[in-house]
Amino acid sequence: MKNLQETMRELQKTSESLAKLNFNQEHPWQALSQMNQILDANFWESLVKLTGQTASQATAQASEAVAAMPKKQKKEKVRPIVMPRSSPEAFPVTDIYQTEHLLIVCCELPGFARDSLEVTLTEQRTLEIKGAIKKHPYAASCIRQERAFGTFSRQIELPVSVSAKGMKAQYQDGLLELYLPRDGSPRERKTTFRANL
């Protein structure tokens, strides 16, 4: 019984720590990193002890419990759509984050030629990202190739209407992030944006 009380106290501390996370809408990565540190191996071991289940069962139940927790700022529940990496039309690999005021599109683009970026927003709901992956300087002497290079283009249907006005782009550590202000009023038909990264 004593073990159970200690485990419950640990879980309560973890829950309180998660509730105190500072979430910055412009840069959500810091909060995600802090959450990863809080939900360390000790947290999952405590859950396993508490439930007497396997780690994978406990992880699945914990995910369901976290998803069911009431959220103060979040009005609608949005689950990420996981695209298979093998799909050629799914390049670049992209995640979309939604906050109260922004839609953040994050693309994985290692070796991206920064001056080639062209973003087109159509009907405030379709985002097209075009650019080029630079050819490696030693491409002529390549003996094994798994990475692709050359031009790319990807169209992404957005879950909410956004505006090109105030759109920002940032490229760092192989990730291209596009910050699009949410906007429910239909005004813009097609806007093309060239970023200086």
N, C-alpha and C. Protein backbone atom coordinates (compact mmCIF):
# COMPACT_ATOMS: atom_id res chain seq x y z
N MET A 1 0.82 -1.20 0.00
CA MET A 1 0.00 0.00 0.00
C MET A 1 0.87 1.26 0.00
N LYS A 2 2.01 1.18 0.73
CA LYS A 2 2.91 2.33 0.79
C LYS A 2 3.46 2.64 -0.60
N ASN A 3 3.84 1.57 -1.35
CA ASN A 3 4.33 1.75 -2.72
C ASN A 3 3.29 2.44 -3.59
N LEU A 4 2.04 2.05 -3.44
CA LEU A 4 0.96 2.62 -4.23
C LEU A 4 0.82 4.12 -3.94
N GLN A 5 0.90 4.51 -2.67
CA GLN A 5 0.79 5.93 -2.31
C GLN A 5 1.96 6.73 -2.87
N GLU A 6 3.18 6.17 -2.81
CA GLU A 6 4.35 6.86 -3.37
C GLU A 6 4.21 7.03 -4.88
N THR A 7 3.76 5.98 -5.54
CA THR A 7 3.57 6.03 -6.99
C THR A 7 2.53 7.08 -7.35
N MET A 8 1.44 7.13 -6.61
CA MET A 8 0.39 8.12 -6.86
C MET A 8 0.93 9.54 -6.65
N ARG A 9 1.77 9.74 -5.63
CA ARG A 9 2.36 11.06 -5.39
C ARG A 9 3.27 11.46 -6.56
N GLU A 10 4.07 10.49 -7.06
CA GLU A 10 4.94 10.76 -8.21
C GLU A 10 4.13 11.17 -9.43
N LEU A 11 3.05 10.45 -9.67
CA LEU A 11 2.20 10.75 -10.82
C LEU A 11 1.53 12.12 -10.67
N GLN A 12 1.15 12.46 -9.44
CA GLN A 12 0.53 13.78 -9.20
C GLN A 12 1.55 14.89 -9.44
N LYS A 13 2.81 14.70 -8.99
CA LYS A 13 3.86 15.70 -9.22
C LYS A 13 4.09 15.89 -10.72
N THR A 14 4.12 14.78 -11.45
CA THR A 14 4.32 14.85 -12.90
C THR A 14 3.18 15.62 -13.55
N SER A 15 1.97 15.32 -13.13
CA SER A 15 0.80 16.01 -13.68
C SER A 15 0.86 17.51 -13.40
N GLU A 16 1.26 17.89 -12.19
CA GLU A 16 1.39 19.31 -11.85
C GLU A 16 2.48 19.98 -12.67
N SER A 17 3.59 19.27 -12.90
CA SER A 17 4.68 19.82 -13.72
C SER A 17 4.22 20.06 -15.15
N LEU A 18 3.44 19.12 -15.69
CA LEU A 18 2.93 19.28 -17.05
C LEU A 18 1.98 20.47 -17.15
N ALA A 19 1.18 20.68 -16.11
CA ALA A 19 0.24 21.79 -16.11
C ALA A 19 0.94 23.15 -16.07
N LYS A 20 2.17 23.19 -15.55
CA LYS A 20 2.90 24.44 -15.41
C LYS A 20 3.77 24.78 -16.63
N LEU A 21 3.76 23.94 -17.66
CA LEU A 21 4.60 24.18 -18.83
C LEU A 21 4.23 25.51 -19.49
N ASN A 22 5.25 26.26 -19.89
CA ASN A 22 5.04 27.51 -20.61
C ASN A 22 5.00 27.21 -22.09
N PHE A 23 3.84 27.46 -22.72
CA PHE A 23 3.68 27.17 -24.14
C PHE A 23 3.74 28.47 -24.92
N ASN A 24 4.77 28.60 -25.76
CA ASN A 24 4.94 29.77 -26.61
C ASN A 24 4.41 29.43 -28.00
N GLN A 25 3.39 30.15 -28.46
CA GLN A 25 2.76 29.85 -29.74
C GLN A 25 3.72 30.01 -30.90
N GLU A 26 4.66 30.93 -30.79
CA GLU A 26 5.62 31.16 -31.87
C GLU A 26 6.62 30.00 -31.99
N HIS A 27 7.05 29.43 -30.83
CA HIS A 27 8.06 28.37 -30.82
C HIS A 27 7.63 27.28 -29.83
N PRO A 28 6.81 26.32 -30.28
CA PRO A 28 6.31 25.28 -29.38
C PRO A 28 7.34 24.23 -28.99
N TRP A 29 8.52 24.24 -29.62
CA TRP A 29 9.49 23.17 -29.43
C TRP A 29 10.03 23.11 -28.01
N GLN A 30 10.17 24.27 -27.35
CA GLN A 30 10.71 24.27 -25.99
C GLN A 30 9.76 23.53 -25.05
N ALA A 31 8.45 23.78 -25.18
CA ALA A 31 7.48 23.10 -24.33
C ALA A 31 7.49 21.59 -24.58
N LEU A 32 7.64 21.19 -25.84
CA LEU A 32 7.69 19.77 -26.15
C LEU A 32 8.93 19.11 -25.56
N SER A 33 10.05 19.84 -25.57
CA SER A 33 11.28 19.32 -24.99
C SER A 33 11.13 19.16 -23.47
N GLN A 34 10.50 20.17 -22.84
CA GLN A 34 10.28 20.09 -21.39
C GLN A 34 9.34 18.93 -21.05
N MET A 35 8.31 18.73 -21.87
CA MET A 35 7.37 17.64 -21.62
C MET A 35 8.10 16.30 -21.74
N ASN A 36 9.00 16.18 -22.70
CA ASN A 36 9.77 14.95 -22.88
C ASN A 36 10.63 14.67 -21.65
N GLN A 37 11.20 15.73 -21.05
CA GLN A 37 12.01 15.55 -19.85
C GLN A 37 11.16 15.13 -18.66
N ILE A 38 9.96 15.70 -18.56
CA ILE A 38 9.06 15.37 -17.44
C ILE A 38 8.59 13.92 -17.55
N LEU A 39 8.21 13.52 -18.76
CA LEU A 39 7.71 12.16 -18.98
C LEU A 39 8.88 11.22 -19.25
N ASP A 40 9.78 11.13 -18.28
CA ASP A 40 10.97 10.29 -18.43
C ASP A 40 10.65 8.83 -18.08
N ALA A 41 11.67 8.02 -18.05
CA ALA A 41 11.51 6.59 -17.78
C ALA A 41 10.87 6.33 -16.42
N ASN A 42 11.20 7.15 -15.40
CA ASN A 42 10.61 6.96 -14.06
C ASN A 42 9.10 7.09 -14.10
N PHE A 43 8.59 8.03 -14.90
CA PHE A 43 7.15 8.22 -15.01
C PHE A 43 6.48 6.95 -15.54
N TRP A 44 7.05 6.38 -16.62
CA TRP A 44 6.45 5.20 -17.23
C TRP A 44 6.59 3.98 -16.32
N GLU A 45 7.72 3.88 -15.60
CA GLU A 45 7.89 2.77 -14.66
C GLU A 45 6.85 2.86 -13.54
N SER A 46 6.57 4.08 -13.08
CA SER A 46 5.56 4.27 -12.04
C SER A 46 4.20 3.82 -12.54
N LEU A 47 3.90 4.15 -13.77
CA LEU A 47 2.62 3.72 -14.34
C LEU A 47 2.53 2.20 -14.41
N VAL A 48 3.62 1.57 -14.81
CA VAL A 48 3.64 0.11 -14.89
C VAL A 48 3.42 -0.50 -13.51
N LYS A 49 4.11 0.05 -12.48
CA LYS A 49 3.93 -0.46 -11.12
C LYS A 49 2.48 -0.30 -10.67
N LEU A 50 1.91 0.85 -10.98
CA LEU A 50 0.56 1.16 -10.53
C LEU A 50 -0.47 0.23 -11.16
N THR A 51 -0.33 -0.05 -12.44
CA THR A 51 -1.34 -0.83 -13.13
C THR A 51 -1.01 -2.31 -13.24
N GLY A 52 0.27 -2.66 -13.07
CA GLY A 52 0.66 -4.05 -13.19
C GLY A 52 0.58 -4.55 -14.62
N GLN A 53 0.68 -3.64 -15.59
CA GLN A 53 0.59 -4.01 -17.00
C GLN A 53 1.96 -3.94 -17.63
N THR A 54 2.02 -4.33 -18.90
CA THR A 54 3.27 -4.19 -19.64
C THR A 54 3.47 -2.71 -19.94
N ALA A 55 4.69 -2.33 -20.28
CA ALA A 55 5.01 -0.93 -20.56
C ALA A 55 4.22 -0.41 -21.75
N SER A 56 4.06 -1.22 -22.79
CA SER A 56 3.33 -0.74 -23.97
C SER A 56 1.85 -0.53 -23.67
N GLN A 57 1.27 -1.43 -22.84
CA GLN A 57 -0.13 -1.24 -22.45
C GLN A 57 -0.28 0.00 -21.60
N ALA A 58 0.66 0.22 -20.68
CA ALA A 58 0.60 1.40 -19.81
C ALA A 58 0.76 2.67 -20.63
N THR A 59 1.66 2.67 -21.62
CA THR A 59 1.87 3.83 -22.47
C THR A 59 0.61 4.16 -23.25
N ALA A 60 -0.04 3.12 -23.80
CA ALA A 60 -1.27 3.33 -24.56
C ALA A 60 -2.37 3.91 -23.67
N GLN A 61 -2.51 3.36 -22.45
CA GLN A 61 -3.53 3.88 -21.53
C GLN A 61 -3.21 5.30 -21.10
N ALA A 62 -1.93 5.60 -20.88
CA ALA A 62 -1.54 6.95 -20.48
C ALA A 62 -1.85 7.94 -21.59
N SER A 63 -1.60 7.56 -22.84
CA SER A 63 -1.88 8.43 -23.97
C SER A 63 -3.37 8.74 -24.05
N GLU A 64 -4.20 7.71 -23.84
CA GLU A 64 -5.65 7.92 -23.86
C GLU A 64 -6.08 8.83 -22.71
N ALA A 65 -5.48 8.66 -21.54
CA ALA A 65 -5.83 9.48 -20.39
C ALA A 65 -5.45 10.93 -20.61
N VAL A 66 -4.25 11.16 -21.16
CA VAL A 66 -3.79 12.53 -21.43
C VAL A 66 -4.70 13.18 -22.47
N ALA A 67 -5.09 12.43 -23.50
CA ALA A 67 -5.95 12.97 -24.54
C ALA A 67 -7.33 13.33 -23.98
N ALA A 68 -7.78 12.58 -22.97
CA ALA A 68 -9.10 12.83 -22.40
C ALA A 68 -9.11 13.96 -21.37
N MET A 69 -7.92 14.41 -20.93
CA MET A 69 -7.86 15.48 -19.93
C MET A 69 -8.40 16.77 -20.50
N PRO A 70 -9.18 17.53 -19.70
CA PRO A 70 -9.69 18.81 -20.21
C PRO A 70 -8.55 19.80 -20.40
N LYS A 71 -8.60 20.53 -21.50
CA LYS A 71 -7.57 21.52 -21.80
C LYS A 71 -8.18 22.90 -21.74
N LYS A 72 -7.49 23.82 -21.08
CA LYS A 72 -8.03 25.16 -20.89
C LYS A 72 -8.11 25.94 -22.20
N GLN A 73 -7.01 25.95 -22.99
CA GLN A 73 -6.96 26.78 -24.17
C GLN A 73 -7.50 26.10 -25.42
N LYS A 74 -7.45 24.79 -25.44
CA LYS A 74 -7.82 24.07 -26.64
C LYS A 74 -9.33 23.88 -26.70
N LYS A 75 -9.94 24.37 -27.78
CA LYS A 75 -11.39 24.27 -27.91
C LYS A 75 -11.81 23.03 -28.69
N GLU A 76 -10.99 22.65 -29.67
CA GLU A 76 -11.32 21.48 -30.47
C GLU A 76 -10.16 20.49 -30.45
N LYS A 77 -10.52 19.22 -30.50
CA LYS A 77 -9.51 18.17 -30.44
C LYS A 77 -9.05 17.85 -31.86
N VAL A 78 -7.75 18.00 -32.11
CA VAL A 78 -7.19 17.74 -33.43
C VAL A 78 -6.13 16.66 -33.29
N ARG A 79 -6.32 15.55 -34.00
CA ARG A 79 -5.34 14.47 -33.97
C ARG A 79 -4.45 14.59 -35.20
N PRO A 80 -3.14 14.37 -35.04
CA PRO A 80 -2.27 14.47 -36.20
C PRO A 80 -2.54 13.35 -37.20
N ILE A 81 -2.37 13.68 -38.47
CA ILE A 81 -2.48 12.68 -39.53
C ILE A 81 -1.08 12.20 -39.82
N VAL A 82 -0.83 10.91 -39.62
CA VAL A 82 0.51 10.37 -39.83
C VAL A 82 0.59 9.84 -41.25
N MET A 83 1.49 10.43 -42.05
CA MET A 83 1.68 10.02 -43.44
C MET A 83 2.81 9.00 -43.50
N PRO A 84 2.68 7.96 -44.32
CA PRO A 84 3.79 7.01 -44.47
C PRO A 84 4.96 7.68 -45.19
N ARG A 85 6.18 7.43 -44.71
CA ARG A 85 7.37 8.06 -45.29
C ARG A 85 7.64 7.58 -46.71
N SER A 86 7.15 6.41 -47.08
CA SER A 86 7.46 5.86 -48.39
C SER A 86 6.68 6.53 -49.52
N SER A 87 5.68 7.30 -49.21
CA SER A 87 4.85 7.93 -50.23
C SER A 87 5.61 9.06 -50.92
N PRO A 88 5.85 8.98 -52.25
CA PRO A 88 6.66 10.00 -52.92
C PRO A 88 6.00 11.36 -52.94
N GLU A 89 4.67 11.43 -52.95
CA GLU A 89 4.01 12.73 -52.95
C GLU A 89 4.01 13.38 -51.57
N ALA A 90 4.51 12.66 -50.57
CA ALA A 90 4.58 13.20 -49.21
C ALA A 90 5.96 13.76 -48.91
N PHE A 91 6.58 14.41 -49.90
CA PHE A 91 7.87 15.05 -49.66
C PHE A 91 7.72 16.53 -49.90
N PRO A 92 8.16 17.35 -49.01
CA PRO A 92 8.88 17.01 -47.78
C PRO A 92 7.93 16.50 -46.70
N VAL A 93 8.49 15.69 -45.79
CA VAL A 93 7.74 15.19 -44.64
C VAL A 93 7.31 16.41 -43.83
N THR A 94 6.02 16.49 -43.49
CA THR A 94 5.47 17.71 -42.91
C THR A 94 4.60 17.41 -41.69
N ASP A 95 4.75 18.24 -40.66
CA ASP A 95 3.85 18.23 -39.50
C ASP A 95 3.11 19.56 -39.50
N ILE A 96 1.87 19.56 -38.99
CA ILE A 96 1.10 20.79 -38.89
C ILE A 96 0.66 20.94 -37.44
N TYR A 97 0.89 22.12 -36.88
CA TYR A 97 0.49 22.43 -35.51
C TYR A 97 -0.51 23.57 -35.55
N GLN A 98 -1.50 23.50 -34.69
CA GLN A 98 -2.54 24.52 -34.67
C GLN A 98 -2.65 25.12 -33.29
N THR A 99 -2.53 26.45 -33.20
CA THR A 99 -2.76 27.15 -31.95
C THR A 99 -4.00 28.02 -32.13
N GLU A 100 -4.29 28.81 -31.13
CA GLU A 100 -5.47 29.66 -31.19
C GLU A 100 -5.37 30.68 -32.32
N HIS A 101 -4.15 31.19 -32.58
CA HIS A 101 -3.98 32.25 -33.57
C HIS A 101 -3.14 31.85 -34.78
N LEU A 102 -2.45 30.73 -34.72
CA LEU A 102 -1.52 30.35 -35.79
C LEU A 102 -1.71 28.93 -36.27
N LEU A 103 -1.28 28.71 -37.50
CA LEU A 103 -1.09 27.38 -38.04
C LEU A 103 0.40 27.31 -38.36
N ILE A 104 1.09 26.30 -37.84
CA ILE A 104 2.52 26.18 -38.04
C ILE A 104 2.77 24.93 -38.88
N VAL A 105 3.35 25.12 -40.06
CA VAL A 105 3.67 24.02 -40.96
C VAL A 105 5.18 23.80 -40.86
N CYS A 106 5.58 22.60 -40.46
CA CYS A 106 6.99 22.29 -40.23
C CYS A 106 7.41 21.19 -41.20
N CYS A 107 8.37 21.51 -42.08
CA CYS A 107 8.83 20.58 -43.12
C CYS A 107 10.27 20.17 -42.86
N GLU A 108 10.56 18.89 -43.03
CA GLU A 108 11.90 18.36 -42.87
C GLU A 108 12.63 18.48 -44.21
N LEU A 109 13.62 19.39 -44.29
CA LEU A 109 14.31 19.67 -45.55
C LEU A 109 15.81 19.80 -45.37
N PRO A 110 16.52 18.71 -45.08
CA PRO A 110 17.97 18.82 -44.99
C PRO A 110 18.58 19.08 -46.36
N GLY A 111 19.56 19.98 -46.43
CA GLY A 111 20.22 20.30 -47.69
C GLY A 111 19.41 21.20 -48.60
N PHE A 112 18.41 21.86 -48.06
CA PHE A 112 17.50 22.72 -48.80
C PHE A 112 18.21 23.99 -49.28
N ALA A 113 18.00 24.36 -50.55
CA ALA A 113 18.56 25.61 -51.08
C ALA A 113 17.65 26.75 -50.64
N ARG A 114 18.10 27.54 -49.69
CA ARG A 114 17.25 28.56 -49.07
C ARG A 114 16.65 29.56 -50.06
N ASP A 115 17.38 29.90 -51.10
CA ASP A 115 16.87 30.90 -52.04
C ASP A 115 15.84 30.33 -53.02
N SER A 116 15.55 29.04 -52.95
CA SER A 116 14.62 28.41 -53.89
C SER A 116 13.18 28.33 -53.36
N LEU A 117 12.96 28.72 -52.11
CA LEU A 117 11.64 28.56 -51.50
C LEU A 117 10.59 29.44 -52.16
N GLU A 118 9.47 28.82 -52.52
CA GLU A 118 8.31 29.55 -53.03
C GLU A 118 7.07 28.92 -52.38
N VAL A 119 6.29 29.74 -51.69
CA VAL A 119 5.09 29.25 -51.02
C VAL A 119 3.89 29.93 -51.65
N THR A 120 2.89 29.14 -52.05
CA THR A 120 1.67 29.70 -52.65
C THR A 120 0.48 29.25 -51.81
N LEU A 121 -0.35 30.22 -51.45
CA LEU A 121 -1.57 29.95 -50.69
C LEU A 121 -2.76 30.20 -51.61
N THR A 122 -3.60 29.18 -51.81
CA THR A 122 -4.76 29.29 -52.68
C THR A 122 -6.02 29.11 -51.86
N GLU A 123 -6.97 30.03 -52.04
CA GLU A 123 -8.27 29.97 -51.35
C GLU A 123 -8.12 29.86 -49.84
N GLN A 124 -7.00 30.29 -49.32
CA GLN A 124 -6.71 30.31 -47.88
C GLN A 124 -6.70 28.93 -47.21
N ARG A 125 -6.77 27.84 -48.01
CA ARG A 125 -6.81 26.50 -47.43
C ARG A 125 -5.83 25.52 -48.07
N THR A 126 -5.23 25.89 -49.21
CA THR A 126 -4.30 24.99 -49.89
C THR A 126 -2.93 25.65 -49.95
N LEU A 127 -1.96 25.01 -49.37
CA LEU A 127 -0.60 25.54 -49.32
C LEU A 127 0.27 24.71 -50.26
N GLU A 128 0.98 25.38 -51.16
CA GLU A 128 1.91 24.68 -52.04
C GLU A 128 3.31 25.16 -51.72
N ILE A 129 4.20 24.21 -51.45
CA ILE A 129 5.59 24.52 -51.11
C ILE A 129 6.47 23.99 -52.23
N LYS A 130 7.28 24.89 -52.81
CA LYS A 130 8.20 24.51 -53.88
C LYS A 130 9.60 24.91 -53.49
N GLY A 131 10.57 24.16 -53.97
CA GLY A 131 11.95 24.49 -53.69
C GLY A 131 12.87 23.47 -54.32
N ALA A 132 14.10 23.46 -53.84
CA ALA A 132 15.09 22.53 -54.39
C ALA A 132 16.02 22.05 -53.29
N ILE A 133 16.40 20.78 -53.40
CA ILE A 133 17.42 20.19 -52.54
C ILE A 133 18.72 20.24 -53.34
N LYS A 134 19.74 20.82 -52.73
CA LYS A 134 21.02 20.97 -53.44
C LYS A 134 21.68 19.62 -53.69
N LYS A 135 22.34 19.53 -54.84
CA LYS A 135 23.11 18.35 -55.20
C LYS A 135 24.39 18.36 -54.36
N HIS A 136 24.78 17.21 -53.85
CA HIS A 136 26.01 17.14 -53.06
C HIS A 136 27.21 17.43 -53.96
N PRO A 137 28.23 18.13 -53.44
CA PRO A 137 29.39 18.46 -54.27
C PRO A 137 30.11 17.22 -54.84
N TYR A 138 30.00 16.08 -54.17
CA TYR A 138 30.65 14.86 -54.65
C TYR A 138 29.66 13.91 -55.33
N ALA A 139 28.55 14.44 -55.83
CA ALA A 139 27.52 13.59 -56.45
C ALA A 139 28.05 12.77 -57.61
N ALA A 140 29.01 13.29 -58.34
CA ALA A 140 29.56 12.57 -59.49
C ALA A 140 30.29 11.29 -59.09
N SER A 141 30.78 11.24 -57.85
CA SER A 141 31.52 10.05 -57.40
C SER A 141 30.72 9.23 -56.39
N CYS A 142 29.40 9.35 -56.43
CA CYS A 142 28.52 8.63 -55.49
C CYS A 142 28.50 7.13 -55.80
N ILE A 143 28.65 6.30 -54.78
CA ILE A 143 28.59 4.85 -54.96
C ILE A 143 27.33 4.24 -54.34
N ARG A 144 26.63 5.02 -53.52
CA ARG A 144 25.36 4.59 -52.95
C ARG A 144 24.53 5.84 -52.72
N GLN A 145 23.28 5.82 -53.19
CA GLN A 145 22.43 7.01 -53.05
C GLN A 145 21.07 6.63 -52.49
N GLU A 146 20.73 7.22 -51.35
CA GLU A 146 19.42 7.05 -50.74
C GLU A 146 18.69 8.39 -50.64
N ARG A 147 19.46 9.47 -50.55
CA ARG A 147 18.88 10.80 -50.47
C ARG A 147 18.56 11.30 -51.87
N ALA A 148 17.48 12.05 -51.99
CA ALA A 148 17.09 12.62 -53.27
C ALA A 148 17.55 14.07 -53.34
N PHE A 149 17.76 14.58 -54.54
CA PHE A 149 18.06 15.99 -54.72
C PHE A 149 17.30 16.47 -55.95
N GLY A 150 17.25 17.78 -56.11
CA GLY A 150 16.50 18.36 -57.22
C GLY A 150 15.31 19.14 -56.71
N THR A 151 14.43 19.52 -57.63
CA THR A 151 13.28 20.34 -57.25
C THR A 151 12.18 19.47 -56.64
N PHE A 152 11.35 20.08 -55.82
CA PHE A 152 10.21 19.40 -55.22
C PHE A 152 9.03 20.36 -55.18
N SER A 153 7.85 19.78 -55.05
CA SER A 153 6.63 20.57 -54.92
C SER A 153 5.63 19.73 -54.14
N ARG A 154 5.00 20.32 -53.16
CA ARG A 154 4.01 19.59 -52.36
C ARG A 154 2.83 20.49 -52.06
N GLN A 155 1.63 19.98 -52.27
CA GLN A 155 0.41 20.69 -51.91
C GLN A 155 -0.15 20.09 -50.63
N ILE A 156 -0.53 20.96 -49.71
CA ILE A 156 -1.04 20.52 -48.42
C ILE A 156 -2.38 21.20 -48.17
N GLU A 157 -3.41 20.38 -47.91
CA GLU A 157 -4.71 20.93 -47.55
C GLU A 157 -4.68 21.27 -46.06
N LEU A 158 -4.99 22.52 -45.74
CA LEU A 158 -4.93 22.98 -44.35
C LEU A 158 -6.27 22.76 -43.65
N PRO A 159 -6.24 22.51 -42.34
CA PRO A 159 -7.49 22.23 -41.61
C PRO A 159 -8.34 23.48 -41.36
N VAL A 160 -7.73 24.67 -41.40
CA VAL A 160 -8.46 25.93 -41.17
C VAL A 160 -7.99 26.96 -42.19
N SER A 161 -8.77 28.02 -42.37
CA SER A 161 -8.38 29.11 -43.27
C SER A 161 -7.27 29.92 -42.63
N VAL A 162 -6.30 30.31 -43.46
CA VAL A 162 -5.19 31.12 -42.99
C VAL A 162 -5.02 32.31 -43.93
N SER A 163 -4.19 33.25 -43.51
CA SER A 163 -3.91 34.43 -44.32
C SER A 163 -2.43 34.49 -44.64
N ALA A 164 -2.11 34.90 -45.87
CA ALA A 164 -0.70 35.07 -46.26
C ALA A 164 -0.13 36.34 -45.65
N LYS A 165 -1.02 37.26 -45.28
CA LYS A 165 -0.58 38.51 -44.67
C LYS A 165 -0.05 38.20 -43.26
N GLY A 166 1.20 38.52 -43.04
CA GLY A 166 1.82 38.24 -41.74
C GLY A 166 2.48 36.87 -41.68
N MET A 167 2.52 36.15 -42.82
CA MET A 167 3.17 34.84 -42.84
C MET A 167 4.67 35.02 -42.63
N LYS A 168 5.27 34.14 -41.81
CA LYS A 168 6.71 34.17 -41.56
C LYS A 168 7.29 32.79 -41.87
N ALA A 169 8.53 32.79 -42.32
CA ALA A 169 9.23 31.54 -42.59
C ALA A 169 10.55 31.54 -41.84
N GLN A 170 10.94 30.35 -41.36
CA GLN A 170 12.20 30.21 -40.62
C GLN A 170 12.81 28.87 -41.00
N TYR A 171 14.12 28.85 -41.26
CA TYR A 171 14.80 27.60 -41.60
C TYR A 171 15.98 27.43 -40.66
N GLN A 172 15.95 26.34 -39.89
CA GLN A 172 17.02 26.10 -38.92
C GLN A 172 17.14 24.60 -38.67
N ASP A 173 18.36 24.12 -38.60
CA ASP A 173 18.64 22.71 -38.30
C ASP A 173 17.89 21.74 -39.22
N GLY A 174 17.77 22.09 -40.51
CA GLY A 174 17.13 21.20 -41.47
C GLY A 174 15.61 21.24 -41.44
N LEU A 175 15.02 22.15 -40.65
CA LEU A 175 13.57 22.25 -40.57
C LEU A 175 13.11 23.61 -41.10
N LEU A 176 12.15 23.58 -42.01
CA LEU A 176 11.52 24.80 -42.50
C LEU A 176 10.21 24.95 -41.75
N GLU A 177 10.02 26.09 -41.09
CA GLU A 177 8.78 26.35 -40.36
C GLU A 177 8.08 27.55 -40.98
N LEU A 178 6.80 27.36 -41.31
CA LEU A 178 5.98 28.44 -41.84
C LEU A 178 4.93 28.78 -40.80
N TYR A 179 4.87 30.05 -40.42
CA TYR A 179 3.90 30.53 -39.43
C TYR A 179 2.82 31.30 -40.17
N LEU A 180 1.60 30.76 -40.16
CA LEU A 180 0.48 31.35 -40.90
C LEU A 180 -0.60 31.79 -39.94
N PRO A 181 -0.96 33.08 -39.93
CA PRO A 181 -2.04 33.53 -39.05
C PRO A 181 -3.37 32.92 -39.47
N ARG A 182 -4.13 32.43 -38.51
CA ARG A 182 -5.45 31.89 -38.80
C ARG A 182 -6.39 33.05 -39.15
N ASP A 183 -7.27 32.83 -40.13
CA ASP A 183 -8.16 33.89 -40.59
C ASP A 183 -9.40 33.24 -41.19
N GLY A 184 -10.54 33.50 -40.60
CA GLY A 184 -11.79 32.88 -41.06
C GLY A 184 -12.48 33.64 -42.17
N SER A 185 -12.07 34.88 -42.47
CA SER A 185 -12.78 35.67 -43.48
C SER A 185 -12.18 35.41 -44.86
N PRO A 186 -12.97 34.88 -45.81
CA PRO A 186 -12.44 34.55 -47.14
C PRO A 186 -12.22 35.80 -47.98
N ARG A 187 -10.95 36.16 -48.21
CA ARG A 187 -10.63 37.35 -49.01
C ARG A 187 -9.63 37.02 -50.10
N GLU A 188 -8.64 36.23 -49.78
CA GLU A 188 -7.53 36.01 -50.70
C GLU A 188 -7.78 34.78 -51.57
N ARG A 189 -7.61 34.94 -52.88
CA ARG A 189 -7.78 33.80 -53.78
C ARG A 189 -6.46 33.06 -53.97
N LYS A 190 -5.40 33.80 -54.31
CA LYS A 190 -4.11 33.15 -54.51
C LYS A 190 -3.01 34.16 -54.19
N THR A 191 -2.09 33.75 -53.32
CA THR A 191 -0.98 34.62 -52.94
C THR A 191 0.30 33.79 -52.97
N THR A 192 1.35 34.34 -53.58
CA THR A 192 2.64 33.67 -53.62
C THR A 192 3.60 34.44 -52.74
N PHE A 193 4.38 33.71 -51.97
CA PHE A 193 5.28 34.27 -50.97
C PHE A 193 6.67 33.74 -51.21
N ARG A 194 7.65 34.62 -51.36
CA ARG A 194 9.05 34.20 -51.47
C ARG A 194 9.76 34.68 -50.22
N ALA A 195 10.37 33.76 -49.51
CA ALA A 195 10.99 34.12 -48.23
C ALA A 195 12.48 34.30 -48.38
N ASN A 196 13.02 35.23 -47.61
CA ASN A 196 14.48 35.39 -47.50
C ASN A 196 14.90 34.67 -46.22
N LEU A 197 15.47 33.50 -46.37
CA LEU A 197 15.82 32.69 -45.20
C LEU A 197 17.31 32.84 -44.89
